[in-house]
N, C-alpha and C. Protein backbone atom coordinates (compact mmCIF):
# COMPACT_ATOMS: atom_id res chain seq x y z
N MET A 1 101.97 140.97 102.61
CA MET A 1 102.32 140.70 101.21
C MET A 1 102.55 139.20 101.01
N ARG A 2 102.00 138.66 99.95
CA ARG A 2 102.09 137.23 99.70
C ARG A 2 103.52 136.82 99.34
N SER A 3 103.92 135.65 99.85
CA SER A 3 105.26 135.14 99.56
C SER A 3 105.26 134.37 98.25
N ILE A 4 106.47 134.00 97.81
CA ILE A 4 106.58 133.20 96.58
C ILE A 4 105.90 131.85 96.76
N ILE A 5 105.88 131.35 98.00
CA ILE A 5 105.22 130.06 98.25
C ILE A 5 103.72 130.18 97.97
N GLY A 6 103.10 131.23 98.48
CA GLY A 6 101.69 131.44 98.24
C GLY A 6 101.38 131.62 96.76
N ASP A 7 102.25 132.37 96.07
CA ASP A 7 102.04 132.60 94.64
C ASP A 7 102.10 131.29 93.85
N ILE A 8 103.10 130.47 94.14
CA ILE A 8 103.25 129.21 93.41
C ILE A 8 102.09 128.27 93.70
N VAL A 9 101.74 128.13 94.98
CA VAL A 9 100.66 127.21 95.34
C VAL A 9 99.35 127.66 94.69
N GLU A 10 99.06 128.96 94.73
CA GLU A 10 97.83 129.47 94.13
C GLU A 10 97.81 129.20 92.62
N GLN A 11 98.91 129.51 91.95
CA GLN A 11 98.97 129.36 90.50
C GLN A 11 98.87 127.90 90.07
N GLU A 12 99.64 127.04 90.74
CA GLU A 12 99.64 125.63 90.35
C GLU A 12 98.35 124.93 90.75
N ALA A 13 97.76 125.33 91.86
CA ALA A 13 96.45 124.77 92.23
C ALA A 13 95.41 125.14 91.18
N GLN A 14 95.48 126.37 90.72
CA GLN A 14 94.55 126.82 89.69
C GLN A 14 94.70 126.00 88.41
N SER A 15 95.92 125.68 88.06
CA SER A 15 96.15 124.87 86.86
C SER A 15 95.63 123.45 87.04
N MET A 16 95.46 123.03 88.31
CA MET A 16 94.90 121.71 88.61
C MET A 16 93.38 121.76 88.78
N GLY A 17 92.81 122.94 88.59
CA GLY A 17 91.36 123.09 88.72
C GLY A 17 90.90 123.40 90.12
N LEU A 18 91.84 123.81 90.98
CA LEU A 18 91.52 124.15 92.37
C LEU A 18 91.59 125.66 92.56
N SER A 19 90.52 126.24 93.02
CA SER A 19 90.51 127.68 93.31
C SER A 19 90.64 127.86 94.82
N LEU A 20 91.80 128.33 95.26
CA LEU A 20 92.07 128.45 96.69
C LEU A 20 91.64 129.82 97.20
N SER A 21 91.07 129.84 98.39
CA SER A 21 90.70 131.10 99.02
C SER A 21 91.94 131.77 99.60
N SER A 22 91.81 133.04 99.93
CA SER A 22 92.91 133.76 100.57
C SER A 22 93.29 133.10 101.89
N HIS A 23 92.29 132.62 102.62
CA HIS A 23 92.55 131.95 103.89
C HIS A 23 93.37 130.67 103.68
N GLU A 24 93.04 129.90 102.65
CA GLU A 24 93.78 128.67 102.37
C GLU A 24 95.22 128.98 101.97
N ILE A 25 95.41 130.00 101.15
CA ILE A 25 96.77 130.38 100.75
C ILE A 25 97.56 130.86 101.96
N ASP A 26 96.92 131.65 102.83
CA ASP A 26 97.57 132.09 104.07
C ASP A 26 97.99 130.89 104.92
N SER A 27 97.14 129.86 104.93
CA SER A 27 97.45 128.65 105.72
C SER A 27 98.70 127.96 105.19
N PHE A 28 98.83 127.87 103.87
CA PHE A 28 100.04 127.27 103.30
C PHE A 28 101.28 128.09 103.64
N GLU A 29 101.16 129.41 103.60
CA GLU A 29 102.31 130.26 103.92
C GLU A 29 102.72 130.12 105.38
N LEU A 30 101.74 130.05 106.28
CA LEU A 30 102.04 129.88 107.69
C LEU A 30 102.64 128.50 107.96
N TYR A 31 102.09 127.49 107.31
CA TYR A 31 102.63 126.12 107.41
C TYR A 31 104.10 126.11 107.00
N ALA A 32 104.42 126.74 105.87
CA ALA A 32 105.80 126.78 105.38
C ALA A 32 106.72 127.52 106.35
N ALA A 33 106.24 128.62 106.90
CA ALA A 33 107.05 129.40 107.83
C ALA A 33 107.38 128.58 109.08
N GLU A 34 106.39 127.85 109.58
CA GLU A 34 106.61 127.01 110.77
C GLU A 34 107.52 125.84 110.44
N LEU A 35 107.37 125.28 109.23
CA LEU A 35 108.23 124.17 108.82
C LEU A 35 109.68 124.60 108.81
N LYS A 36 109.96 125.78 108.25
CA LYS A 36 111.34 126.27 108.18
C LYS A 36 111.87 126.60 109.58
N LYS A 37 111.02 127.19 110.41
CA LYS A 37 111.44 127.56 111.76
C LYS A 37 111.78 126.32 112.59
N TRP A 38 110.90 125.33 112.58
CA TRP A 38 111.13 124.10 113.33
C TRP A 38 112.32 123.33 112.77
N ASN A 39 112.49 123.39 111.46
CA ASN A 39 113.53 122.59 110.83
C ASN A 39 114.93 123.06 111.23
N ASN A 40 115.05 124.29 111.71
CA ASN A 40 116.33 124.78 112.20
C ASN A 40 116.77 124.06 113.47
N LYS A 41 115.79 123.51 114.20
CA LYS A 41 116.09 122.83 115.47
C LYS A 41 115.84 121.33 115.39
N VAL A 42 114.82 120.96 114.61
CA VAL A 42 114.40 119.55 114.51
C VAL A 42 114.44 119.16 113.04
N ASN A 43 115.10 118.06 112.74
CA ASN A 43 115.21 117.64 111.33
C ASN A 43 113.88 117.05 110.84
N LEU A 44 113.12 117.89 110.13
CA LEU A 44 111.83 117.46 109.60
C LEU A 44 111.90 117.14 108.12
N THR A 45 112.71 117.89 107.38
CA THR A 45 112.77 117.75 105.94
C THR A 45 114.10 118.27 105.41
N SER A 46 114.55 117.70 104.31
CA SER A 46 115.75 118.20 103.64
C SER A 46 115.40 119.26 102.61
N ILE A 47 114.11 119.45 102.38
CA ILE A 47 113.63 120.44 101.41
C ILE A 47 113.34 121.73 102.16
N THR A 48 114.17 122.76 101.94
CA THR A 48 114.06 123.97 102.76
C THR A 48 113.95 125.26 101.95
N LYS A 49 114.17 125.19 100.63
CA LYS A 49 114.04 126.39 99.81
C LYS A 49 112.57 126.63 99.48
N ASP A 50 112.19 127.90 99.42
CA ASP A 50 110.78 128.24 99.27
C ASP A 50 110.13 127.60 98.06
N LYS A 51 110.77 127.70 96.90
CA LYS A 51 110.17 127.13 95.69
C LYS A 51 110.01 125.63 95.80
N GLU A 52 111.00 124.96 96.42
CA GLU A 52 110.92 123.51 96.57
C GLU A 52 109.85 123.11 97.58
N ILE A 53 109.72 123.87 98.66
CA ILE A 53 108.63 123.60 99.62
C ILE A 53 107.28 123.72 98.92
N ALA A 54 107.13 124.79 98.14
CA ALA A 54 105.86 125.02 97.45
C ALA A 54 105.53 123.89 96.49
N VAL A 55 106.52 123.46 95.71
CA VAL A 55 106.26 122.46 94.65
C VAL A 55 106.36 121.04 95.17
N LYS A 56 107.50 120.69 95.79
CA LYS A 56 107.75 119.29 96.16
C LYS A 56 106.92 118.84 97.35
N HIS A 57 106.56 119.77 98.22
CA HIS A 57 105.71 119.41 99.36
C HIS A 57 104.24 119.71 99.11
N PHE A 58 103.93 120.96 98.81
CA PHE A 58 102.52 121.38 98.78
C PHE A 58 101.81 121.01 97.48
N VAL A 59 102.37 121.41 96.34
CA VAL A 59 101.72 121.11 95.06
C VAL A 59 101.66 119.59 94.85
N ASP A 60 102.73 118.90 95.19
CA ASP A 60 102.74 117.44 95.06
C ASP A 60 101.64 116.81 95.91
N SER A 61 101.47 117.29 97.13
CA SER A 61 100.41 116.76 98.00
C SER A 61 99.03 117.00 97.39
N LEU A 62 98.84 118.15 96.76
CA LEU A 62 97.54 118.49 96.19
C LEU A 62 97.19 117.63 94.98
N SER A 63 98.15 116.89 94.46
CA SER A 63 97.85 115.99 93.33
C SER A 63 96.84 114.91 93.73
N LEU A 64 96.65 114.72 95.04
CA LEU A 64 95.70 113.71 95.52
C LEU A 64 94.27 114.23 95.60
N VAL A 65 94.09 115.53 95.54
CA VAL A 65 92.75 116.10 95.76
C VAL A 65 91.67 115.50 94.86
N PRO A 66 91.93 115.27 93.57
CA PRO A 66 90.87 114.70 92.73
C PRO A 66 90.40 113.31 93.15
N TYR A 67 91.18 112.66 94.00
CA TYR A 67 90.89 111.27 94.33
C TYR A 67 90.27 111.08 95.71
N ILE A 68 89.96 112.18 96.38
CA ILE A 68 89.24 112.09 97.66
C ILE A 68 87.97 112.92 97.55
N SER A 69 86.94 112.48 98.25
CA SER A 69 85.66 113.17 98.13
C SER A 69 84.88 113.08 99.43
N ALA A 70 83.80 113.84 99.51
CA ALA A 70 82.94 113.83 100.69
C ALA A 70 82.50 112.40 100.97
N GLY A 71 82.54 112.02 102.23
CA GLY A 71 82.21 110.65 102.60
C GLY A 71 83.42 109.79 102.83
N ASP A 72 84.58 110.24 102.34
CA ASP A 72 85.81 109.49 102.58
C ASP A 72 86.32 109.72 104.00
N ARG A 73 87.17 108.80 104.43
CA ARG A 73 87.93 108.95 105.67
C ARG A 73 89.35 108.55 105.32
N LEU A 74 90.29 109.48 105.53
CA LEU A 74 91.65 109.32 105.00
C LEU A 74 92.66 109.05 106.11
N LEU A 75 93.58 108.13 105.82
CA LEU A 75 94.73 107.86 106.69
C LEU A 75 96.00 108.10 105.90
N ASP A 76 96.94 108.84 106.49
CA ASP A 76 98.25 109.08 105.89
C ASP A 76 99.29 108.37 106.74
N ILE A 77 99.94 107.37 106.17
CA ILE A 77 100.91 106.54 106.89
C ILE A 77 102.32 107.09 106.69
N GLY A 78 103.05 107.24 107.79
CA GLY A 78 104.42 107.76 107.70
C GLY A 78 104.43 109.19 107.21
N SER A 79 103.59 110.01 107.82
CA SER A 79 103.28 111.35 107.29
C SER A 79 104.37 112.39 107.54
N GLY A 80 105.39 112.05 108.33
CA GLY A 80 106.53 112.96 108.50
C GLY A 80 106.13 114.33 108.99
N ALA A 81 106.39 115.35 108.19
CA ALA A 81 106.06 116.73 108.57
C ALA A 81 104.61 117.09 108.23
N GLY A 82 103.79 116.06 107.96
CA GLY A 82 102.38 116.29 107.70
C GLY A 82 102.02 116.29 106.23
N LEU A 83 102.77 115.54 105.45
CA LEU A 83 102.57 115.54 104.00
C LEU A 83 102.24 114.14 103.50
N PRO A 84 101.15 114.01 102.76
CA PRO A 84 100.27 115.03 102.19
C PRO A 84 99.08 115.45 103.06
N VAL A 85 98.96 114.93 104.27
CA VAL A 85 97.69 115.05 104.99
C VAL A 85 97.30 116.49 105.32
N ILE A 86 98.25 117.33 105.75
CA ILE A 86 97.88 118.70 106.13
C ILE A 86 97.50 119.55 104.92
N PRO A 87 98.26 119.53 103.80
CA PRO A 87 97.77 120.24 102.62
C PRO A 87 96.38 119.78 102.17
N LEU A 88 96.13 118.47 102.25
CA LEU A 88 94.81 117.96 101.87
C LEU A 88 93.73 118.48 102.81
N LYS A 89 94.03 118.53 104.09
CA LYS A 89 93.05 119.03 105.07
C LYS A 89 92.78 120.52 104.86
N ILE A 90 93.79 121.29 104.48
CA ILE A 90 93.59 122.72 104.23
C ILE A 90 92.55 122.94 103.14
N VAL A 91 92.62 122.15 102.08
CA VAL A 91 91.72 122.38 100.93
C VAL A 91 90.47 121.51 100.95
N ARG A 92 90.46 120.47 101.79
CA ARG A 92 89.28 119.62 101.92
C ARG A 92 88.96 119.46 103.42
N PRO A 93 88.54 120.56 104.05
CA PRO A 93 88.38 120.55 105.52
C PRO A 93 87.28 119.62 106.02
N GLY A 94 86.33 119.26 105.17
CA GLY A 94 85.21 118.44 105.62
C GLY A 94 85.50 116.96 105.70
N ILE A 95 86.63 116.52 105.19
CA ILE A 95 86.95 115.09 105.17
C ILE A 95 87.75 114.71 106.41
N PRO A 96 87.28 113.75 107.21
CA PRO A 96 88.04 113.32 108.39
C PRO A 96 89.38 112.71 107.98
N MET A 97 90.43 113.10 108.69
CA MET A 97 91.77 112.62 108.35
C MET A 97 92.55 112.26 109.61
N LEU A 98 93.43 111.27 109.44
CA LEU A 98 94.31 110.86 110.52
C LEU A 98 95.69 110.62 109.94
N SER A 99 96.71 111.06 110.66
CA SER A 99 98.08 110.79 110.25
C SER A 99 98.78 109.99 111.34
N VAL A 100 99.71 109.16 110.92
CA VAL A 100 100.46 108.37 111.88
C VAL A 100 101.93 108.37 111.48
N ASP A 101 102.79 108.54 112.49
CA ASP A 101 104.23 108.48 112.27
C ASP A 101 104.88 107.97 113.54
N ALA A 102 105.94 107.20 113.37
CA ALA A 102 106.62 106.62 114.52
C ALA A 102 107.63 107.56 115.16
N VAL A 103 107.87 108.72 114.54
CA VAL A 103 108.86 109.69 115.06
C VAL A 103 108.12 110.79 115.82
N ALA A 104 108.34 110.85 117.12
CA ALA A 104 107.57 111.75 118.00
C ALA A 104 107.70 113.21 117.59
N LYS A 105 108.93 113.67 117.26
CA LYS A 105 109.12 115.08 116.95
C LYS A 105 108.31 115.51 115.73
N LYS A 106 108.12 114.61 114.79
CA LYS A 106 107.34 114.94 113.59
C LYS A 106 105.86 115.06 113.93
N ILE A 107 105.38 114.20 114.81
CA ILE A 107 103.98 114.31 115.24
C ILE A 107 103.78 115.56 116.09
N HIS A 108 104.74 115.92 116.92
CA HIS A 108 104.64 117.16 117.70
C HIS A 108 104.53 118.36 116.77
N PHE A 109 105.31 118.35 115.69
CA PHE A 109 105.22 119.43 114.71
C PHE A 109 103.85 119.45 114.05
N GLN A 110 103.37 118.30 113.63
CA GLN A 110 102.05 118.24 112.99
C GLN A 110 100.97 118.79 113.92
N ARG A 111 101.01 118.39 115.17
CA ARG A 111 99.98 118.86 116.13
C ARG A 111 100.06 120.37 116.30
N HIS A 112 101.28 120.89 116.29
CA HIS A 112 101.47 122.34 116.38
C HIS A 112 100.82 123.05 115.18
N VAL A 113 101.07 122.54 113.99
CA VAL A 113 100.50 123.15 112.78
C VAL A 113 98.98 123.02 112.77
N ILE A 114 98.48 121.85 113.14
CA ILE A 114 97.03 121.65 113.21
C ILE A 114 96.39 122.67 114.14
N ARG A 115 97.07 122.94 115.25
CA ARG A 115 96.54 123.88 116.25
C ARG A 115 96.57 125.32 115.72
N ILE A 116 97.69 125.74 115.17
CA ILE A 116 97.79 127.15 114.77
C ILE A 116 96.96 127.44 113.51
N LEU A 117 96.72 126.43 112.69
CA LEU A 117 95.86 126.62 111.52
C LEU A 117 94.39 126.38 111.85
N ASN A 118 94.14 125.95 113.09
CA ASN A 118 92.78 125.68 113.55
C ASN A 118 92.08 124.66 112.64
N LEU A 119 92.79 123.61 112.30
CA LEU A 119 92.22 122.55 111.47
C LEU A 119 91.37 121.63 112.34
N GLN A 120 90.23 121.23 111.82
CA GLN A 120 89.28 120.44 112.58
C GLN A 120 89.18 119.02 111.99
N ASN A 121 88.80 118.08 112.86
CA ASN A 121 88.55 116.69 112.43
C ASN A 121 89.78 116.08 111.78
N ILE A 122 90.93 116.34 112.39
CA ILE A 122 92.19 115.73 111.97
C ILE A 122 92.98 115.40 113.22
N GLU A 123 93.59 114.21 113.23
CA GLU A 123 94.35 113.77 114.39
C GLU A 123 95.71 113.24 113.94
N ALA A 124 96.75 113.59 114.68
CA ALA A 124 98.09 113.09 114.42
C ALA A 124 98.49 112.16 115.56
N ILE A 125 98.81 110.93 115.23
CA ILE A 125 99.09 109.90 116.23
C ILE A 125 100.56 109.48 116.16
N HIS A 126 101.19 109.46 117.32
CA HIS A 126 102.56 108.94 117.42
C HIS A 126 102.49 107.45 117.70
N ALA A 127 102.74 106.65 116.68
CA ALA A 127 102.66 105.20 116.83
C ALA A 127 103.23 104.53 115.60
N ARG A 128 103.52 103.25 115.74
CA ARG A 128 103.80 102.43 114.57
C ARG A 128 102.47 102.06 113.93
N VAL A 129 102.47 101.91 112.63
CA VAL A 129 101.22 101.63 111.93
C VAL A 129 100.56 100.36 112.47
N GLU A 130 101.38 99.37 112.80
CA GLU A 130 100.84 98.10 113.27
C GLU A 130 99.97 98.27 114.51
N GLU A 131 100.24 99.29 115.30
CA GLU A 131 99.45 99.52 116.52
C GLU A 131 98.01 99.92 116.19
N LEU A 132 97.78 100.44 114.99
CA LEU A 132 96.43 100.83 114.60
C LEU A 132 95.58 99.64 114.18
N HIS A 133 96.21 98.49 113.94
CA HIS A 133 95.46 97.34 113.43
C HIS A 133 94.37 96.89 114.39
N LYS A 134 94.56 97.11 115.68
CA LYS A 134 93.55 96.72 116.67
C LYS A 134 92.52 97.82 116.89
N THR A 135 92.97 99.07 116.82
CA THR A 135 92.09 100.19 117.19
C THR A 135 91.35 100.81 116.01
N HIS A 136 91.87 100.67 114.80
CA HIS A 136 91.28 101.34 113.63
C HIS A 136 91.06 100.38 112.46
N ARG A 137 90.77 99.15 112.77
CA ARG A 137 90.60 98.15 111.71
C ARG A 137 89.44 98.51 110.78
N ARG A 138 89.69 98.42 109.48
CA ARG A 138 88.67 98.69 108.45
C ARG A 138 88.05 100.08 108.60
N SER A 139 88.84 101.07 108.98
CA SER A 139 88.29 102.40 109.30
C SER A 139 88.42 103.43 108.19
N PHE A 140 89.23 103.16 107.15
CA PHE A 140 89.56 104.22 106.20
C PHE A 140 89.25 103.81 104.76
N SER A 141 88.63 104.75 104.05
CA SER A 141 88.30 104.48 102.64
C SER A 141 89.45 104.86 101.71
N VAL A 142 90.34 105.74 102.17
CA VAL A 142 91.53 106.12 101.40
C VAL A 142 92.73 106.07 102.34
N ILE A 143 93.76 105.33 101.94
CA ILE A 143 95.01 105.28 102.71
C ILE A 143 96.14 105.64 101.78
N THR A 144 96.94 106.60 102.18
CA THR A 144 98.04 107.05 101.34
C THR A 144 99.36 107.00 102.10
N SER A 145 100.43 106.97 101.33
CA SER A 145 101.77 107.15 101.91
C SER A 145 102.63 107.82 100.86
N ARG A 146 103.52 108.65 101.31
CA ARG A 146 104.37 109.43 100.40
C ARG A 146 105.83 109.06 100.64
N ALA A 147 106.36 108.24 99.73
CA ALA A 147 107.76 107.81 99.83
C ALA A 147 108.09 107.25 101.21
N PHE A 148 107.12 106.51 101.78
CA PHE A 148 107.28 106.00 103.15
C PHE A 148 108.03 104.68 103.18
N THR A 149 107.63 103.75 102.35
CA THR A 149 108.24 102.43 102.36
C THR A 149 107.96 101.77 101.02
N ARG A 150 108.50 100.59 100.83
CA ARG A 150 108.26 99.86 99.58
C ARG A 150 106.78 99.56 99.39
N LEU A 151 106.38 99.43 98.15
CA LEU A 151 104.98 99.22 97.83
C LEU A 151 104.42 97.97 98.49
N ASP A 152 105.17 96.89 98.48
CA ASP A 152 104.65 95.65 99.07
C ASP A 152 104.45 95.80 100.58
N ARG A 153 105.37 96.49 101.24
CA ARG A 153 105.22 96.68 102.69
C ARG A 153 104.08 97.65 102.99
N PHE A 154 103.91 98.66 102.18
CA PHE A 154 102.78 99.58 102.35
C PHE A 154 101.46 98.82 102.30
N VAL A 155 101.32 97.92 101.34
CA VAL A 155 100.10 97.13 101.22
C VAL A 155 99.90 96.26 102.47
N THR A 156 100.96 95.63 102.93
CA THR A 156 100.87 94.77 104.11
C THR A 156 100.43 95.55 105.35
N LEU A 157 101.00 96.75 105.53
CA LEU A 157 100.67 97.57 106.69
C LEU A 157 99.28 98.17 106.60
N ALA A 158 98.87 98.55 105.39
CA ALA A 158 97.61 99.28 105.23
C ALA A 158 96.39 98.38 105.12
N ALA A 159 96.56 97.17 104.61
CA ALA A 159 95.42 96.30 104.30
C ALA A 159 94.42 96.13 105.45
N PRO A 160 94.88 95.88 106.69
CA PRO A 160 93.89 95.69 107.77
C PRO A 160 93.10 96.95 108.12
N LEU A 161 93.57 98.10 107.66
CA LEU A 161 92.96 99.38 108.03
C LEU A 161 91.99 99.89 106.96
N LEU A 162 91.97 99.24 105.81
CA LEU A 162 91.19 99.70 104.68
C LEU A 162 89.77 99.16 104.73
N SER A 163 88.79 100.04 104.55
CA SER A 163 87.39 99.60 104.54
C SER A 163 87.06 98.92 103.22
N ASP A 164 85.95 98.20 103.19
CA ASP A 164 85.54 97.52 101.96
C ASP A 164 85.35 98.53 100.83
N GLY A 165 85.92 98.23 99.69
CA GLY A 165 85.80 99.12 98.55
C GLY A 165 86.76 100.29 98.57
N GLY A 166 87.63 100.34 99.58
CA GLY A 166 88.57 101.46 99.73
C GLY A 166 89.74 101.34 98.77
N VAL A 167 90.56 102.38 98.76
CA VAL A 167 91.69 102.44 97.84
C VAL A 167 92.97 102.83 98.57
N LEU A 168 94.06 102.21 98.17
CA LEU A 168 95.39 102.59 98.63
C LEU A 168 96.04 103.43 97.54
N ILE A 169 96.69 104.53 97.94
CA ILE A 169 97.37 105.39 96.97
C ILE A 169 98.81 105.60 97.44
N ALA A 170 99.75 105.03 96.70
CA ALA A 170 101.17 105.19 97.02
C ALA A 170 101.74 106.31 96.17
N MET A 171 102.33 107.31 96.83
CA MET A 171 102.97 108.43 96.14
C MET A 171 104.46 108.10 96.03
N LYS A 172 104.93 108.00 94.78
CA LYS A 172 106.29 107.54 94.53
C LYS A 172 107.05 108.48 93.61
N GLY A 173 108.38 108.28 93.58
CA GLY A 173 109.23 109.03 92.67
C GLY A 173 109.22 108.43 91.28
N ASP A 174 110.12 108.91 90.43
CA ASP A 174 110.05 108.54 89.02
C ASP A 174 110.55 107.13 88.71
N GLN A 175 111.04 106.41 89.72
CA GLN A 175 111.46 105.02 89.52
C GLN A 175 110.40 104.02 89.98
N ALA A 176 109.18 104.49 90.09
CA ALA A 176 108.11 103.67 90.67
C ALA A 176 107.86 102.38 89.89
N GLU A 177 107.99 102.42 88.57
CA GLU A 177 107.66 101.24 87.77
C GLU A 177 108.52 100.04 88.16
N CYS A 178 109.80 100.28 88.45
CA CYS A 178 110.68 99.20 88.88
C CYS A 178 110.20 98.60 90.19
N GLU A 179 109.79 99.47 91.10
CA GLU A 179 109.30 99.00 92.40
C GLU A 179 107.99 98.24 92.25
N ILE A 180 107.13 98.73 91.37
CA ILE A 180 105.85 98.05 91.12
C ILE A 180 106.10 96.63 90.62
N ALA A 181 107.01 96.49 89.67
CA ALA A 181 107.32 95.18 89.12
C ALA A 181 107.89 94.25 90.20
N ALA A 182 108.77 94.79 91.05
CA ALA A 182 109.39 93.99 92.10
C ALA A 182 108.40 93.58 93.17
N SER A 183 107.34 94.38 93.36
CA SER A 183 106.38 94.14 94.44
C SER A 183 105.15 93.37 93.98
N ASP A 184 105.03 93.14 92.69
CA ASP A 184 103.78 92.64 92.12
C ASP A 184 103.32 91.33 92.76
N GLU A 185 104.22 90.41 92.96
CA GLU A 185 103.85 89.10 93.50
C GLU A 185 103.31 89.21 94.92
N VAL A 186 104.00 90.00 95.76
CA VAL A 186 103.55 90.18 97.14
C VAL A 186 102.22 90.91 97.20
N VAL A 187 102.06 91.91 96.34
CA VAL A 187 100.80 92.68 96.29
C VAL A 187 99.63 91.76 95.96
N HIS A 188 99.79 90.91 94.96
CA HIS A 188 98.72 89.99 94.58
C HIS A 188 98.48 88.95 95.66
N ALA A 189 99.55 88.48 96.28
CA ALA A 189 99.40 87.49 97.35
C ALA A 189 98.64 88.08 98.53
N GLY A 190 98.75 89.39 98.71
CA GLY A 190 98.03 90.06 99.79
C GLY A 190 96.60 90.39 99.44
N GLY A 191 96.16 89.98 98.27
CA GLY A 191 94.76 90.18 97.89
C GLY A 191 94.48 91.52 97.24
N PHE A 192 95.51 92.16 96.70
CA PHE A 192 95.32 93.48 96.08
C PHE A 192 95.72 93.46 94.61
N THR A 193 95.13 94.40 93.88
CA THR A 193 95.43 94.57 92.47
C THR A 193 95.77 96.03 92.21
N ILE A 194 96.80 96.27 91.42
CA ILE A 194 97.10 97.64 90.98
C ILE A 194 96.10 98.02 89.90
N THR A 195 95.24 98.97 90.20
CA THR A 195 94.17 99.33 89.27
C THR A 195 94.58 100.40 88.28
N SER A 196 95.50 101.28 88.66
CA SER A 196 96.00 102.28 87.72
C SER A 196 97.29 102.90 88.25
N VAL A 197 98.05 103.47 87.32
CA VAL A 197 99.30 104.17 87.64
C VAL A 197 99.27 105.51 86.92
N HIS A 198 99.40 106.58 87.68
CA HIS A 198 99.30 107.92 87.10
C HIS A 198 100.63 108.64 87.27
N ARG A 199 101.32 108.89 86.16
CA ARG A 199 102.59 109.62 86.18
C ARG A 199 102.33 111.09 85.88
N TYR A 200 102.96 111.98 86.62
CA TYR A 200 102.79 113.41 86.37
C TYR A 200 104.12 114.14 86.62
N THR A 201 104.21 115.33 86.04
CA THR A 201 105.43 116.12 86.13
C THR A 201 105.20 117.31 87.06
N LEU A 202 106.08 117.50 88.01
CA LEU A 202 105.98 118.65 88.90
C LEU A 202 106.36 119.92 88.14
N PRO A 203 105.77 121.06 88.52
CA PRO A 203 106.12 122.32 87.84
C PRO A 203 107.56 122.76 88.15
N LEU A 204 108.00 123.73 87.39
CA LEU A 204 109.33 124.35 87.56
C LEU A 204 110.47 123.35 87.40
N GLY A 205 110.21 122.30 86.62
CA GLY A 205 111.25 121.32 86.33
C GLY A 205 111.74 120.54 87.53
N MET A 206 110.86 120.30 88.49
CA MET A 206 111.28 119.66 89.75
C MET A 206 111.02 118.16 89.79
N GLY A 207 110.93 117.54 88.62
CA GLY A 207 110.91 116.09 88.58
C GLY A 207 109.56 115.47 88.28
N GLU A 208 109.57 114.15 88.17
CA GLU A 208 108.36 113.40 87.90
C GLU A 208 107.95 112.59 89.13
N ARG A 209 106.66 112.37 89.25
CA ARG A 209 106.10 111.60 90.35
C ARG A 209 105.11 110.59 89.80
N VAL A 210 104.80 109.59 90.61
CA VAL A 210 103.88 108.54 90.20
C VAL A 210 102.91 108.24 91.33
N LEU A 211 101.62 108.22 91.01
CA LEU A 211 100.60 107.76 91.94
C LEU A 211 100.21 106.34 91.54
N THR A 212 100.30 105.41 92.49
CA THR A 212 99.91 104.03 92.23
C THR A 212 98.67 103.71 93.05
N PHE A 213 97.62 103.27 92.37
CA PHE A 213 96.33 103.00 93.00
C PHE A 213 96.13 101.49 93.12
N LEU A 214 95.74 101.05 94.31
CA LEU A 214 95.52 99.63 94.55
C LEU A 214 94.19 99.40 95.24
N LYS A 215 93.50 98.35 94.83
CA LYS A 215 92.25 97.95 95.48
C LYS A 215 92.29 96.46 95.77
N GLN A 216 91.43 96.05 96.69
CA GLN A 216 91.32 94.64 97.00
C GLN A 216 90.82 93.88 95.78
N SER A 217 91.47 92.75 95.50
CA SER A 217 91.09 91.97 94.34
C SER A 217 89.69 91.37 94.53
N GLU A 218 88.94 91.32 93.46
CA GLU A 218 87.61 90.73 93.53
C GLU A 218 87.74 89.21 93.60
N ALA A 219 86.86 88.60 94.39
CA ALA A 219 86.88 87.14 94.51
C ALA A 219 86.49 86.53 93.17
N PRO A 220 87.14 85.43 92.79
CA PRO A 220 86.83 84.79 91.51
C PRO A 220 85.42 84.19 91.53
């Protein structure tokens, strides 16, 4: 029998124009069950209620789906318990993805979920982002982070890893505009321009979120 998590994810995905298969919904339910089980022993997330897991973790992650497509290669920086990278991989299995986090227990959890969901062409790396600058330079067309660090630091960390014409997508809370204003000078100095800001409201009254899109500035 489907859980409330599966029901919410299916319904909200449908409202976003995503039709999820039974297998994909089952994957979200298994992911949630493992997240709750591991969280009893290892601190992965403060969000532990079913409705909040469904909305604040899964539905929020799926807000990125319209912005990735076949041919992309995605990096998720500071991915924690695998968000947004694992939900994205569940619904877009053909896109190569890599996640990186400096906390070993979170990467161990991600690898466990990747294995039990039998997800392919996805790798979870235990490292600081800076360590990827030598091994994965200019490797990713989409780089995202979800409430990982300040916008200016995200740009600094991600810039060497972004391929030509690629996009950075920062997932932020409802105070993002203040952070954008505070980071503007550093962002421009780093050769990037904020191309758009997309504000959206999570279902079930669970708050507002902001996606900030950045691209390399064109040479004058």
